[in-house]
């Protein structure tokens, strides 16, 4: 796979290919941002609930 990316470097970096994949990249970054925020909030929630007093 690495070899193919070297061989097709000019094609993969051409403006037509970049324009074709641009919407998918932008949607991917937006999705990654929302997932990161959700995961961080869930992590803080788990840490917060872990610190509650233990009742026997």
PDB file of N, CA and C in Angstrom:
ATOM      1  N   UNK A   1       0.830  -1.192   0.000  1.00  0.00           N
ATOM      2  CA  UNK A   1       0.000   0.000   0.000  1.00  0.00           C
ATOM      3  C   UNK A   1       0.872   1.252   0.000  1.00  0.00           C
ATOM      4  N   UNK A   2       1.931   1.228   0.760  1.00  0.00           N
ATOM      5  CA  UNK A   2       2.844   2.361   0.818  1.00  0.00           C
ATOM      6  C   UNK A   2       3.479   2.603  -0.545  1.00  0.00           C
ATOM      7  N   UNK A   3       3.813   1.516  -1.231  1.00  0.00           N
ATOM      8  CA  UNK A   3       4.427   1.620  -2.559  1.00  0.00           C
ATOM      9  C   UNK A   3       3.472   2.277  -3.545  1.00  0.00           C
ATOM     10  N   UNK A   4       2.186   1.934  -3.472  1.00  0.00           N
ATOM     11  CA  UNK A   4       1.206   2.523  -4.381  1.00  0.00           C
ATOM     12  C   UNK A   4       1.035   4.013  -4.135  1.00  0.00           C
ATOM     13  N   UNK A   5       1.089   4.422  -2.884  1.00  0.00           N
ATOM     14  CA  UNK A   5       0.954   5.847  -2.595  1.00  0.00           C
ATOM     15  C   UNK A   5       2.151   6.636  -3.125  1.00  0.00           C
ATOM     16  N   UNK A   6       3.317   6.009  -3.184  1.00  0.00           N
ATOM     17  CA  UNK A   6       4.476   6.672  -3.767  1.00  0.00           C
ATOM     18  C   UNK A   6       4.343   6.744  -5.284  1.00  0.00           C
ATOM     19  N   UNK A   7       3.874   5.647  -5.888  1.00  0.00           N
ATOM     20  CA  UNK A   7       3.753   5.609  -7.345  1.00  0.00           C
ATOM     21  C   UNK A   7       2.687   6.576  -7.853  1.00  0.00           C
ATOM     22  N   UNK A   8       1.584   6.699  -7.125  1.00  0.00           N
ATOM     23  CA  UNK A   8       0.480   7.544  -7.567  1.00  0.00           C
ATOM     24  C   UNK A   8       0.440   8.873  -6.817  1.00  0.00           C
ATOM     25  N   UNK A   9       1.585   9.330  -6.369  1.00  0.00           N
ATOM     26  CA  UNK A   9       1.653  10.572  -5.592  1.00  0.00           C
ATOM     27  C   UNK A   9       1.118  11.759  -6.389  1.00  0.00           C
ATOM     28  N   UNK A  10       1.485  11.856  -7.641  1.00  0.00           N
ATOM     29  CA  UNK A  10       1.014  12.979  -8.464  1.00  0.00           C
ATOM     30  C   UNK A  10      -0.485  12.916  -8.678  1.00  0.00           C
ATOM     31  N   UNK A  11      -1.005  11.716  -8.855  1.00  0.00           N
ATOM     32  CA  UNK A  11      -2.452  11.575  -9.070  1.00  0.00           C
ATOM     33  C   UNK A  11      -3.235  11.882  -7.792  1.00  0.00           C
ATOM     34  N   UNK A  12      -2.773  11.372  -6.670  1.00  0.00           N
ATOM     35  CA  UNK A  12      -3.501  11.547  -5.417  1.00  0.00           C
ATOM     36  C   UNK A  12      -3.494  12.991  -4.930  1.00  0.00           C
ATOM     37  N   UNK A  13      -2.494  13.745  -5.321  1.00  0.00           N
ATOM     38  CA  UNK A  13      -2.425  15.138  -4.899  1.00  0.00           C
ATOM     39  C   UNK A  13      -2.936  16.097  -5.969  1.00  0.00           C
ATOM     40  N   UNK A  14      -3.536  15.574  -7.015  1.00  0.00           N
ATOM     41  CA  UNK A  14      -4.055  16.436  -8.074  1.00  0.00           C
ATOM     42  C   UNK A  14      -5.303  17.172  -7.578  1.00  0.00           C
ATOM     43  N   UNK A  15      -5.574  18.342  -8.117  1.00  0.00           N
ATOM     44  CA  UNK A  15      -6.744  19.121  -7.674  1.00  0.00           C
ATOM     45  C   UNK A  15      -8.080  18.397  -7.891  1.00  0.00           C
ATOM     46  N   UNK A  16      -8.181  17.608  -8.950  1.00  0.00           N
ATOM     47  CA  UNK A  16      -9.453  16.911  -9.199  1.00  0.00           C
ATOM     48  C   UNK A  16      -9.737  15.868  -8.129  1.00  0.00           C
ATOM     49  N   UNK A  17      -8.728  15.132  -7.704  1.00  0.00           N
ATOM     50  CA  UNK A  17      -8.914  14.127  -6.650  1.00  0.00           C
ATOM     51  C   UNK A  17      -9.187  14.816  -5.317  1.00  0.00           C
ATOM     52  N   UNK A  18      -8.469  15.878  -5.028  1.00  0.00           N
ATOM     53  CA  UNK A  18      -8.701  16.595  -3.776  1.00  0.00           C
ATOM     54  C   UNK A  18     -10.105  17.184  -3.727  1.00  0.00           C
ATOM     55  N   UNK A  19     -10.567  17.693  -4.856  1.00  0.00           N
ATOM     56  CA  UNK A  19     -11.924  18.252  -4.904  1.00  0.00           C
ATOM     57  C   UNK A  19     -12.962  17.149  -4.745  1.00  0.00           C
ATOM     58  N   UNK A  20     -12.675  15.956  -5.260  1.00  0.00           N
ATOM     59  CA  UNK A  20     -13.625  14.851  -5.163  1.00  0.00           C
ATOM     60  C   UNK A  20     -13.760  14.331  -3.736  1.00  0.00           C
ATOM     61  N   UNK A  21     -12.670  14.296  -2.977  1.00  0.00           N
ATOM     62  CA  UNK A  21     -12.728  13.729  -1.623  1.00  0.00           C
ATOM     63  C   UNK A  21     -12.929  14.789  -0.548  1.00  0.00           C
ATOM     64  N   UNK A  22     -12.927  16.052  -0.911  1.00  0.00           N
ATOM     65  CA  UNK A  22     -13.059  17.129   0.068  1.00  0.00           C
ATOM     66  C   UNK A  22     -14.322  17.004   0.938  1.00  0.00           C
ATOM     67  N   UNK A  23     -15.522  16.755   0.355  1.00  0.00           N
ATOM     68  CA  UNK A  23     -16.709  16.641   1.224  1.00  0.00           C
ATOM     69  C   UNK A  23     -16.613  15.495   2.224  1.00  0.00           C
ATOM     70  N   UNK A  24     -16.024  14.375   1.802  1.00  0.00           N
ATOM     71  CA  UNK A  24     -15.888  13.235   2.707  1.00  0.00           C
ATOM     72  C   UNK A  24     -14.906  13.544   3.833  1.00  0.00           C
ATOM     73  N   UNK A  25     -13.830  14.247   3.509  1.00  0.00           N
ATOM     74  CA  UNK A  25     -12.869  14.631   4.544  1.00  0.00           C
ATOM     75  C   UNK A  25     -13.495  15.591   5.541  1.00  0.00           C
ATOM     76  N   UNK A  26     -14.248  16.565   5.051  1.00  0.00           N
ATOM     77  CA  UNK A  26     -14.862  17.540   5.950  1.00  0.00           C
ATOM     78  C   UNK A  26     -15.888  16.858   6.861  1.00  0.00           C
ATOM     79  N   UNK A  27     -16.703  15.974   6.296  1.00  0.00           N
ATOM     80  CA  UNK A  27     -17.676  15.249   7.127  1.00  0.00           C
ATOM     81  C   UNK A  27     -16.967  14.347   8.130  1.00  0.00           C
ATOM     82  N   UNK A  28     -15.858  13.770   7.727  1.00  0.00           N
ATOM     83  CA  UNK A  28     -15.094  12.926   8.644  1.00  0.00           C
ATOM     84  C   UNK A  28     -14.513  13.720   9.797  1.00  0.00           C
ATOM     85  N   UNK A  29     -13.992  14.913   9.519  1.00  0.00           N
ATOM     86  CA  UNK A  29     -13.432  15.750  10.587  1.00  0.00           C
ATOM     87  C   UNK A  29     -14.528  16.218  11.531  1.00  0.00           C
ATOM     88  N   UNK A  30     -15.688  16.563  10.985  1.00  0.00           N
ATOM     89  CA  UNK A  30     -16.804  16.987  11.838  1.00  0.00           C
ATOM     90  C   UNK A  30     -17.247  15.836  12.732  1.00  0.00           C
ATOM     91  N   UNK A  31     -17.384  14.646  12.160  1.00  0.00           N
ATOM     92  CA  UNK A  31     -17.765  13.474  12.942  1.00  0.00           C
ATOM     93  C   UNK A  31     -16.721  13.167  14.012  1.00  0.00           C
ATOM     94  N   UNK A  32     -15.450  13.252  13.649  1.00  0.00           N
ATOM     95  CA  UNK A  32     -14.385  13.004  14.622  1.00  0.00           C
ATOM     96  C   UNK A  32     -14.421  14.019  15.756  1.00  0.00           C
ATOM     97  N   UNK A  33     -14.748  15.267  15.448  1.00  0.00           N
ATOM     98  CA  UNK A  33     -14.854  16.297  16.485  1.00  0.00           C
ATOM     99  C   UNK A  33     -15.973  15.968  17.455  1.00  0.00           C
ATOM    100  N   UNK A  34     -17.150  15.615  16.938  1.00  0.00           N
ATOM    101  CA  UNK A  34     -18.279  15.284  17.805  1.00  0.00           C
ATOM    102  C   UNK A  34     -17.995  14.030  18.644  1.00  0.00           C
ATOM    103  N   UNK A  35     -17.374  13.034  18.045  1.00  0.00           N
ATOM    104  CA  UNK A  35     -17.048  11.826  18.810  1.00  0.00           C
ATOM    105  C   UNK A  35     -16.025  12.118  19.904  1.00  0.00           C
ATOM    106  N   UNK A  36     -15.076  12.984  19.633  1.00  0.00           N
ATOM    107  CA  UNK A  36     -14.076  13.344  20.640  1.00  0.00           C
ATOM    108  C   UNK A  36     -14.723  14.089  21.797  1.00  0.00           C
ATOM    109  N   UNK A  37     -15.621  15.025  21.498  1.00  0.00           N
ATOM    110  CA  UNK A  37     -16.320  15.758  22.550  1.00  0.00           C
ATOM    111  C   UNK A  37     -17.172  14.809  23.376  1.00  0.00           C
ATOM    112  N   UNK A  38     -17.919  13.922  22.714  1.00  0.00           N
ATOM    113  CA  UNK A  38     -18.756  12.951  23.429  1.00  0.00           C
ATOM    114  C   UNK A  38     -17.905  12.046  24.320  1.00  0.00           C
ATOM    115  N   UNK A  39     -16.807  11.538  23.787  1.00  0.00           N
ATOM    116  CA  UNK A  39     -15.943  10.640  24.555  1.00  0.00           C
ATOM    117  C   UNK A  39     -15.335  11.361  25.755  1.00  0.00           C
ATOM    118  N   UNK A  40     -14.963  12.621  25.580  1.00  0.00           N
ATOM    119  CA  UNK A  40     -14.398  13.375  26.700  1.00  0.00           C
ATOM    120  C   UNK A  40     -15.438  13.607  27.790  1.00  0.00           C
ATOM    121  N   UNK A  41     -16.650  13.990  27.392  1.00  0.00           N
ATOM    122  CA  UNK A  41     -17.708  14.184  28.383  1.00  0.00           C
ATOM    123  C   UNK A  41     -18.045  12.891  29.111  1.00  0.00           C
ATOM    124  N   UNK A  42     -18.090  11.786  28.388  1.00  0.00           N
ATOM    125  CA  UNK A  42     -18.371  10.492  29.014  1.00  0.00           C
ATOM    126  C   UNK A  42     -17.248  10.099  29.981  1.00  0.00           C
ATOM    127  N   UNK A  43     -16.006  10.393  29.622  1.00  0.00           N
ATOM    128  CA  UNK A  43     -14.878  10.099  30.503  1.00  0.00           C
ATOM    129  C   UNK A  43     -14.977  10.915  31.787  1.00  0.00           C
ATOM    130  N   UNK A  44     -15.293  12.225  31.657  1.00  0.00           N
ATOM    131  CA  UNK A  44     -15.453  13.055  32.852  1.00  0.00           C
ATOM    132  C   UNK A  44     -16.613  12.572  33.714  1.00  0.00           C
ATOM    133  N   UNK A  45     -17.696  12.105  33.084  1.00  0.00           N
ATOM    134  CA  UNK A  45     -18.823  11.567  33.833  1.00  0.00           C
ATOM    135  C   UNK A  45     -18.400  10.326  34.622  1.00  0.00           C
ATOM    136  N   UNK A  46     -17.643   9.439  33.985  1.00  0.00           N
ATOM    137  CA  UNK A  46     -17.191   8.237  34.688  1.00  0.00           C
ATOM    138  C   UNK A  46     -16.257   8.589  35.835  1.00  0.00           C
ATOM    139  N   UNK A  47     -15.384   9.543  35.643  1.00  0.00           N
ATOM    140  CA  UNK A  47     -14.483   9.954  36.729  1.00  0.00           C
ATOM    141  C   UNK A  47     -15.283  10.581  37.865  1.00  0.00           C
ATOM    142  N   UNK A  48     -16.277  11.405  37.524  1.00  0.00           N
ATOM    143  CA  UNK A  48     -17.092  12.061  38.537  1.00  0.00           C
ATOM    144  C   UNK A  48     -17.895  11.040  39.349  1.00  0.00           C
ATOM    145  N   UNK A  49     -18.486  10.048  38.693  1.00  0.00           N
ATOM    146  CA  UNK A  49     -19.268   9.041  39.416  1.00  0.00           C
ATOM    147  C   UNK A  49     -18.382   8.093  40.211  1.00  0.00           C
ATOM    148  N   UNK A  50     -17.139   7.941  39.809  1.00  0.00           N
ATOM    149  CA  UNK A  50     -16.220   7.091  40.565  1.00  0.00           C
ATOM    150  C   UNK A  50     -15.875   7.717  41.907  1.00  0.00           C
ATOM    151  N   UNK A  51     -15.914   9.016  42.004  1.00  0.00           N
ATOM    152  CA  UNK A  51     -15.517   9.730  43.217  1.00  0.00           C
ATOM    153  C   UNK A  51     -16.650   9.883  44.232  1.00  0.00           C
ATOM    154  N   UNK A  52     -17.831   9.326  43.938  1.00  0.00           N
ATOM    155  CA  UNK A  52     -18.908   9.386  44.906  1.00  0.00           C
ATOM    156  C   UNK A  52     -18.537   8.530  46.111  1.00  0.00           C
ATOM    157  N   UNK A  53     -19.094   8.867  47.295  1.00  0.00           N
ATOM    158  CA  UNK A  53     -18.771   8.043  48.470  1.00  0.00           C
ATOM    159  C   UNK A  53     -19.311   6.611  48.317  1.00  0.00           C
ATOM    160  N   UNK A  54     -18.540   5.671  48.788  1.00  0.00           N
ATOM    161  CA  UNK A  54     -18.935   4.263  48.725  1.00  0.00           C
ATOM    162  C   UNK A  54     -19.831   3.949  49.905  1.00  0.00           C
ATOM    163  N   UNK A  55     -20.970   3.325  49.633  1.00  0.00           N
ATOM    164  CA  UNK A  55     -21.896   2.945  50.687  1.00  0.00           C
ATOM    165  C   UNK A  55     -21.964   1.432  50.787  1.00  0.00           C
ATOM    166  N   UNK A  56     -21.894   0.922  52.013  1.00  0.00           N
ATOM    167  CA  UNK A  56     -21.918  -0.525  52.213  1.00  0.00           C
ATOM    168  C   UNK A  56     -23.319  -0.996  52.489  1.00  0.00           C
TER     169      UNK A  56
END
